[in-house]
Amino acid sequence: QVQLVESGGGLVQAGSSLRLACVISGRTWTTYAMGWFRQAPGKEREFVSAISWNGDTSYYSDSVKGRFTISRDNVKKTVTLQMNSLKPEDTAVYYCAALSGGAPFTAARQSQHYDYWGQGTQVTVSS
């Protein structure tokens, strides 16, 4: 079983930075691709970023490309999302998710392929 716990959310002003962390437990998680999704009030959950199991490949949504950076440390069992130049439209609950070997990494933008999810952390960006 894999468990994911996010942290690092908060209330910040536009233009600020936040660093989200996702701590993972489970024996085989290092072979999983990892992703971040977000859901704003009244909207569907949307893809933010994903990273392959070895960190060699990463994807970003167009809305965060150039501002957010995903990384992982398989020794510390942590995936992080560095968010810079935050905008009010980044306000959402951010979820960490693990994609097991059942789907290729090319499917990482699609939430239905992820097997495990964290409880989410709130990010609020004021204008």
N, C-alpha and C. Protein backbone atom coordinates (compact mmCIF):
# COMPACT_ATOMS: atom_id res chain seq x y z
N GLN A 1 0.85 -1.20 0.00
CA GLN A 1 0.00 0.00 0.00
C GLN A 1 0.88 1.24 0.00
N VAL A 2 0.47 2.26 -0.71
CA VAL A 2 1.19 3.53 -0.79
C VAL A 2 0.34 4.62 -0.16
N GLN A 3 0.94 5.40 0.70
CA GLN A 3 0.26 6.54 1.31
C GLN A 3 1.00 7.82 0.97
N LEU A 4 0.25 8.86 0.68
CA LEU A 4 0.82 10.14 0.28
C LEU A 4 0.31 11.23 1.23
N VAL A 5 1.21 12.07 1.71
CA VAL A 5 0.84 13.16 2.60
C VAL A 5 1.47 14.45 2.08
N GLU A 6 0.63 15.41 1.70
CA GLU A 6 1.11 16.69 1.19
C GLU A 6 1.25 17.71 2.32
N SER A 7 2.12 18.67 2.10
CA SER A 7 2.28 19.79 3.02
C SER A 7 2.84 20.97 2.25
N GLY A 8 2.80 22.14 2.91
CA GLY A 8 3.43 23.32 2.32
C GLY A 8 2.48 24.34 1.76
N GLY A 9 1.18 24.04 1.77
CA GLY A 9 0.23 25.02 1.28
C GLY A 9 0.10 26.20 2.22
N GLY A 10 -0.61 27.22 1.78
CA GLY A 10 -0.81 28.39 2.61
C GLY A 10 -1.42 29.53 1.84
N LEU A 11 -1.47 30.69 2.51
CA LEU A 11 -2.00 31.91 1.92
C LEU A 11 -0.84 32.84 1.62
N VAL A 12 -0.71 33.22 0.35
CA VAL A 12 0.37 34.11 -0.06
C VAL A 12 -0.17 35.17 -1.01
N GLN A 13 0.64 36.20 -1.23
CA GLN A 13 0.26 37.25 -2.17
C GLN A 13 0.74 36.87 -3.57
N ALA A 14 0.09 37.45 -4.56
CA ALA A 14 0.50 37.23 -5.94
C ALA A 14 1.97 37.62 -6.11
N GLY A 15 2.67 36.81 -6.88
CA GLY A 15 4.09 37.03 -7.10
C GLY A 15 4.99 36.28 -6.13
N SER A 16 4.40 35.71 -5.10
CA SER A 16 5.17 34.98 -4.09
C SER A 16 5.46 33.56 -4.54
N SER A 17 6.16 32.84 -3.68
CA SER A 17 6.51 31.44 -3.96
C SER A 17 6.04 30.55 -2.82
N LEU A 18 5.78 29.31 -3.16
CA LEU A 18 5.49 28.26 -2.19
C LEU A 18 6.16 26.98 -2.67
N ARG A 19 6.48 26.13 -1.70
CA ARG A 19 7.07 24.84 -2.03
C ARG A 19 6.22 23.75 -1.40
N LEU A 20 5.57 22.97 -2.23
CA LEU A 20 4.76 21.87 -1.74
C LEU A 20 5.61 20.61 -1.67
N ALA A 21 5.35 19.81 -0.67
CA ALA A 21 6.05 18.54 -0.52
C ALA A 21 5.05 17.41 -0.38
N CYS A 22 5.41 16.27 -0.90
CA CYS A 22 4.59 15.07 -0.79
C CYS A 22 5.50 13.95 -0.28
N VAL A 23 5.19 13.47 0.91
CA VAL A 23 5.97 12.38 1.49
C VAL A 23 5.24 11.08 1.22
N ILE A 24 5.99 10.11 0.74
CA ILE A 24 5.40 8.84 0.31
C ILE A 24 5.86 7.69 1.20
N SER A 25 4.95 6.81 1.51
CA SER A 25 5.31 5.57 2.18
C SER A 25 4.92 4.39 1.29
N GLY A 26 5.68 3.33 1.40
CA GLY A 26 5.41 2.17 0.56
C GLY A 26 6.70 1.62 0.01
N ARG A 27 6.76 0.35 -0.15
CA ARG A 27 8.02 -0.30 -0.48
C ARG A 27 8.43 -0.11 -1.92
N THR A 28 7.50 0.03 -2.85
CA THR A 28 7.85 0.04 -4.26
C THR A 28 7.58 1.36 -4.94
N TRP A 29 7.39 2.42 -4.17
CA TRP A 29 6.97 3.67 -4.78
C TRP A 29 8.02 4.26 -5.70
N THR A 30 9.27 3.87 -5.50
CA THR A 30 10.32 4.46 -6.33
C THR A 30 10.16 4.11 -7.79
N THR A 31 9.35 3.12 -8.11
CA THR A 31 9.11 2.78 -9.50
C THR A 31 7.89 3.50 -10.06
N TYR A 32 7.25 4.30 -9.25
CA TYR A 32 6.05 5.00 -9.67
C TYR A 32 6.39 6.38 -10.22
N ALA A 33 5.71 6.76 -11.27
CA ALA A 33 5.70 8.16 -11.66
C ALA A 33 4.83 8.92 -10.66
N MET A 34 5.10 10.18 -10.48
CA MET A 34 4.37 10.99 -9.51
C MET A 34 3.82 12.23 -10.19
N GLY A 35 2.66 12.65 -9.72
CA GLY A 35 2.05 13.83 -10.33
C GLY A 35 1.44 14.76 -9.30
N TRP A 36 1.24 15.98 -9.72
CA TRP A 36 0.50 16.98 -8.93
C TRP A 36 -0.71 17.42 -9.75
N PHE A 37 -1.85 17.47 -9.09
CA PHE A 37 -3.08 17.96 -9.68
C PHE A 37 -3.63 19.04 -8.76
N ARG A 38 -4.56 19.81 -9.26
CA ARG A 38 -5.20 20.81 -8.41
C ARG A 38 -6.67 20.93 -8.76
N GLN A 39 -7.43 21.38 -7.78
CA GLN A 39 -8.87 21.56 -7.99
C GLN A 39 -9.31 22.85 -7.30
N ALA A 40 -9.81 23.76 -8.10
CA ALA A 40 -10.34 25.01 -7.59
C ALA A 40 -11.83 24.85 -7.34
N PRO A 41 -12.42 25.69 -6.47
CA PRO A 41 -13.84 25.58 -6.18
C PRO A 41 -14.69 25.68 -7.44
N GLY A 42 -15.60 24.72 -7.59
CA GLY A 42 -16.50 24.74 -8.73
C GLY A 42 -15.90 24.28 -10.04
N LYS A 43 -14.65 23.82 -9.99
CA LYS A 43 -13.97 23.38 -11.21
C LYS A 43 -13.54 21.92 -11.08
N GLU A 44 -13.26 21.32 -12.22
CA GLU A 44 -12.77 19.95 -12.22
C GLU A 44 -11.29 19.91 -11.83
N ARG A 45 -10.87 18.75 -11.35
CA ARG A 45 -9.47 18.57 -11.04
C ARG A 45 -8.65 18.64 -12.32
N GLU A 46 -7.53 19.35 -12.27
CA GLU A 46 -6.72 19.51 -13.46
C GLU A 46 -5.28 19.14 -13.21
N PHE A 47 -4.63 18.69 -14.26
CA PHE A 47 -3.23 18.31 -14.20
C PHE A 47 -2.35 19.54 -14.02
N VAL A 48 -1.33 19.40 -13.20
CA VAL A 48 -0.35 20.47 -12.99
C VAL A 48 1.02 20.04 -13.50
N SER A 49 1.52 18.91 -12.99
CA SER A 49 2.85 18.48 -13.35
C SER A 49 3.04 17.01 -13.01
N ALA A 50 3.98 16.35 -13.67
CA ALA A 50 4.30 14.96 -13.38
C ALA A 50 5.77 14.71 -13.62
N ILE A 51 6.30 13.72 -12.93
CA ILE A 51 7.71 13.37 -13.07
C ILE A 51 7.85 11.86 -13.14
N SER A 52 8.73 11.38 -14.02
CA SER A 52 8.91 9.95 -14.19
C SER A 52 9.57 9.33 -12.96
N TRP A 53 9.59 8.01 -12.90
CA TRP A 53 10.07 7.33 -11.71
C TRP A 53 11.53 7.66 -11.39
N ASN A 54 12.33 7.92 -12.42
CA ASN A 54 13.74 8.22 -12.18
C ASN A 54 14.06 9.70 -12.29
N GLY A 55 13.04 10.52 -12.49
CA GLY A 55 13.23 11.96 -12.54
C GLY A 55 13.75 12.50 -13.86
N ASP A 56 13.90 11.64 -14.85
CA ASP A 56 14.48 12.07 -16.11
C ASP A 56 13.51 12.87 -16.97
N THR A 57 12.24 12.66 -16.78
CA THR A 57 11.23 13.29 -17.64
C THR A 57 10.18 13.95 -16.77
N SER A 58 9.76 15.14 -17.16
CA SER A 58 8.71 15.83 -16.44
C SER A 58 7.78 16.51 -17.43
N TYR A 59 6.54 16.65 -17.01
CA TYR A 59 5.51 17.33 -17.80
C TYR A 59 4.94 18.47 -16.97
N TYR A 60 4.49 19.51 -17.64
CA TYR A 60 3.83 20.64 -17.00
C TYR A 60 2.63 21.06 -17.83
N SER A 61 1.62 21.55 -17.16
CA SER A 61 0.52 22.16 -17.89
C SER A 61 0.99 23.50 -18.44
N ASP A 62 0.34 23.96 -19.47
CA ASP A 62 0.74 25.23 -20.07
C ASP A 62 0.59 26.38 -19.08
N SER A 63 -0.37 26.27 -18.17
CA SER A 63 -0.64 27.37 -17.25
C SER A 63 0.45 27.55 -16.20
N VAL A 64 1.27 26.53 -15.97
CA VAL A 64 2.30 26.63 -14.92
C VAL A 64 3.72 26.51 -15.48
N LYS A 65 3.84 26.20 -16.75
CA LYS A 65 5.16 26.00 -17.36
C LYS A 65 5.98 27.25 -17.22
N GLY A 66 7.22 27.09 -16.76
CA GLY A 66 8.11 28.22 -16.57
C GLY A 66 8.01 28.84 -15.18
N ARG A 67 6.98 28.48 -14.42
CA ARG A 67 6.82 29.03 -13.06
C ARG A 67 6.95 27.94 -12.00
N PHE A 68 6.52 26.73 -12.31
CA PHE A 68 6.56 25.61 -11.36
C PHE A 68 7.65 24.63 -11.77
N THR A 69 8.24 23.98 -10.76
CA THR A 69 9.24 22.95 -11.02
C THR A 69 8.96 21.75 -10.13
N ILE A 70 8.89 20.58 -10.74
CA ILE A 70 8.68 19.35 -9.99
C ILE A 70 10.01 18.63 -9.84
N SER A 71 10.20 17.99 -8.69
CA SER A 71 11.41 17.21 -8.46
C SER A 71 11.09 16.07 -7.50
N ARG A 72 11.98 15.11 -7.44
CA ARG A 72 11.76 14.00 -6.52
C ARG A 72 13.09 13.55 -5.93
N ASP A 73 13.03 13.02 -4.73
CA ASP A 73 14.18 12.46 -4.04
C ASP A 73 13.77 11.07 -3.59
N ASN A 74 14.22 10.06 -4.31
CA ASN A 74 13.80 8.69 -4.01
C ASN A 74 14.41 8.17 -2.70
N VAL A 75 15.46 8.79 -2.24
CA VAL A 75 16.03 8.38 -0.96
C VAL A 75 15.19 8.94 0.19
N LYS A 76 14.81 10.20 0.07
CA LYS A 76 13.99 10.84 1.10
C LYS A 76 12.50 10.57 0.91
N LYS A 77 12.15 9.86 -0.17
CA LYS A 77 10.75 9.51 -0.44
C LYS A 77 9.88 10.76 -0.49
N THR A 78 10.34 11.73 -1.26
CA THR A 78 9.63 13.00 -1.32
C THR A 78 9.54 13.50 -2.75
N VAL A 79 8.40 14.06 -3.08
CA VAL A 79 8.23 14.77 -4.35
C VAL A 79 7.87 16.21 -4.00
N THR A 80 8.51 17.14 -4.64
CA THR A 80 8.24 18.54 -4.33
C THR A 80 7.75 19.28 -5.57
N LEU A 81 7.00 20.34 -5.32
CA LEU A 81 6.54 21.23 -6.38
C LEU A 81 6.89 22.64 -5.95
N GLN A 82 7.91 23.20 -6.58
CA GLN A 82 8.30 24.58 -6.32
C GLN A 82 7.46 25.48 -7.19
N MET A 83 6.72 26.37 -6.55
CA MET A 83 5.80 27.24 -7.27
C MET A 83 6.26 28.69 -7.11
N ASN A 84 6.64 29.30 -8.20
CA ASN A 84 7.10 30.69 -8.20
C ASN A 84 6.13 31.57 -8.97
N SER A 85 6.24 32.85 -8.74
CA SER A 85 5.39 33.83 -9.46
C SER A 85 3.93 33.42 -9.40
N LEU A 86 3.47 33.12 -8.21
CA LEU A 86 2.09 32.65 -8.06
C LEU A 86 1.08 33.72 -8.46
N LYS A 87 -0.02 33.22 -9.01
CA LYS A 87 -1.09 34.09 -9.47
C LYS A 87 -2.38 33.71 -8.74
N PRO A 88 -3.34 34.62 -8.65
CA PRO A 88 -4.61 34.28 -8.00
C PRO A 88 -5.27 33.05 -8.62
N GLU A 89 -5.10 32.86 -9.90
CA GLU A 89 -5.71 31.70 -10.56
C GLU A 89 -5.03 30.39 -10.20
N ASP A 90 -3.95 30.43 -9.47
CA ASP A 90 -3.33 29.20 -8.95
C ASP A 90 -4.01 28.72 -7.67
N THR A 91 -4.94 29.50 -7.15
CA THR A 91 -5.65 29.12 -5.94
C THR A 91 -6.41 27.83 -6.16
N ALA A 92 -6.16 26.84 -5.30
CA ALA A 92 -6.78 25.52 -5.45
C ALA A 92 -6.31 24.62 -4.32
N VAL A 93 -6.93 23.47 -4.22
CA VAL A 93 -6.39 22.39 -3.40
C VAL A 93 -5.46 21.58 -4.30
N TYR A 94 -4.25 21.37 -3.84
CA TYR A 94 -3.25 20.66 -4.63
C TYR A 94 -3.11 19.23 -4.09
N TYR A 95 -3.14 18.27 -5.02
CA TYR A 95 -3.08 16.86 -4.67
C TYR A 95 -1.84 16.22 -5.28
N CYS A 96 -1.20 15.41 -4.49
CA CYS A 96 -0.11 14.56 -4.96
C CYS A 96 -0.69 13.19 -5.32
N ALA A 97 -0.17 12.57 -6.36
CA ALA A 97 -0.70 11.28 -6.80
C ALA A 97 0.43 10.40 -7.32
N ALA A 98 0.22 9.10 -7.20
CA ALA A 98 1.20 8.11 -7.66
C ALA A 98 0.61 7.26 -8.78
N LEU A 99 1.39 7.14 -9.84
CA LEU A 99 0.99 6.37 -11.01
C LEU A 99 1.87 5.12 -11.06
N SER A 100 1.26 3.97 -10.89
CA SER A 100 2.02 2.74 -10.87
C SER A 100 2.33 2.28 -12.29
N GLY A 101 2.92 1.14 -12.42
CA GLY A 101 3.33 0.65 -13.73
C GLY A 101 2.21 0.23 -14.63
N GLY A 102 0.97 0.37 -14.20
CA GLY A 102 -0.16 -0.05 -15.01
C GLY A 102 -0.41 0.83 -16.21
N ALA A 103 0.18 2.02 -16.21
CA ALA A 103 -0.02 2.94 -17.33
C ALA A 103 1.32 3.57 -17.69
N PRO A 104 1.55 3.86 -18.97
CA PRO A 104 2.82 4.49 -19.34
C PRO A 104 2.89 5.93 -18.86
N PHE A 105 4.10 6.46 -18.77
CA PHE A 105 4.26 7.82 -18.28
C PHE A 105 3.63 8.82 -19.24
N THR A 106 3.47 8.46 -20.47
CA THR A 106 2.80 9.36 -21.42
C THR A 106 1.34 9.62 -21.04
N ALA A 107 0.81 8.80 -20.14
CA ALA A 107 -0.57 8.99 -19.67
C ALA A 107 -0.63 9.82 -18.40
N ALA A 108 0.50 10.37 -17.98
CA ALA A 108 0.59 11.02 -16.67
C ALA A 108 -0.24 12.29 -16.56
N ARG A 109 -0.70 12.85 -17.68
CA ARG A 109 -1.52 14.06 -17.60
C ARG A 109 -2.96 13.74 -17.25
N GLN A 110 -3.32 12.46 -17.24
CA GLN A 110 -4.71 12.05 -17.07
C GLN A 110 -4.91 11.45 -15.68
N SER A 111 -5.76 12.05 -14.90
CA SER A 111 -5.92 11.67 -13.50
C SER A 111 -6.43 10.25 -13.32
N GLN A 112 -7.18 9.73 -14.28
CA GLN A 112 -7.78 8.40 -14.11
C GLN A 112 -6.74 7.29 -14.07
N HIS A 113 -5.51 7.56 -14.47
CA HIS A 113 -4.48 6.52 -14.48
C HIS A 113 -3.74 6.42 -13.15
N TYR A 114 -3.99 7.34 -12.24
CA TYR A 114 -3.27 7.35 -10.97
C TYR A 114 -3.94 6.42 -9.96
N ASP A 115 -3.11 5.74 -9.21
CA ASP A 115 -3.61 4.71 -8.29
C ASP A 115 -3.77 5.20 -6.86
N TYR A 116 -2.95 6.16 -6.47
CA TYR A 116 -2.96 6.62 -5.08
C TYR A 116 -2.97 8.14 -5.05
N TRP A 117 -3.69 8.68 -4.06
CA TRP A 117 -3.86 10.12 -3.93
C TRP A 117 -3.65 10.55 -2.49
N GLY A 118 -3.10 11.73 -2.32
CA GLY A 118 -3.02 12.34 -1.00
C GLY A 118 -4.31 13.06 -0.66
N GLN A 119 -4.33 13.66 0.52
CA GLN A 119 -5.54 14.31 1.00
C GLN A 119 -5.66 15.76 0.49
N GLY A 120 -4.58 16.29 -0.04
CA GLY A 120 -4.59 17.64 -0.58
C GLY A 120 -4.11 18.69 0.39
N THR A 121 -3.59 19.77 -0.16
CA THR A 121 -3.16 20.92 0.64
C THR A 121 -3.65 22.19 -0.06
N GLN A 122 -4.19 23.11 0.72
CA GLN A 122 -4.80 24.32 0.16
C GLN A 122 -3.74 25.37 -0.16
N VAL A 123 -3.82 25.91 -1.35
CA VAL A 123 -2.99 27.05 -1.76
C VAL A 123 -3.93 28.18 -2.13
N THR A 124 -3.74 29.33 -1.47
CA THR A 124 -4.55 30.50 -1.75
C THR A 124 -3.64 31.67 -2.08
N VAL A 125 -3.87 32.26 -3.25
CA VAL A 125 -3.04 33.38 -3.70
C VAL A 125 -3.93 34.61 -3.79
N SER A 126 -3.60 35.61 -3.02
CA SER A 126 -4.39 36.84 -3.02
C SER A 126 -3.80 37.85 -4.00
N SER A 127 -4.66 38.67 -4.54
CA SER A 127 -4.21 39.67 -5.53
C SER A 127 -3.78 40.96 -4.88
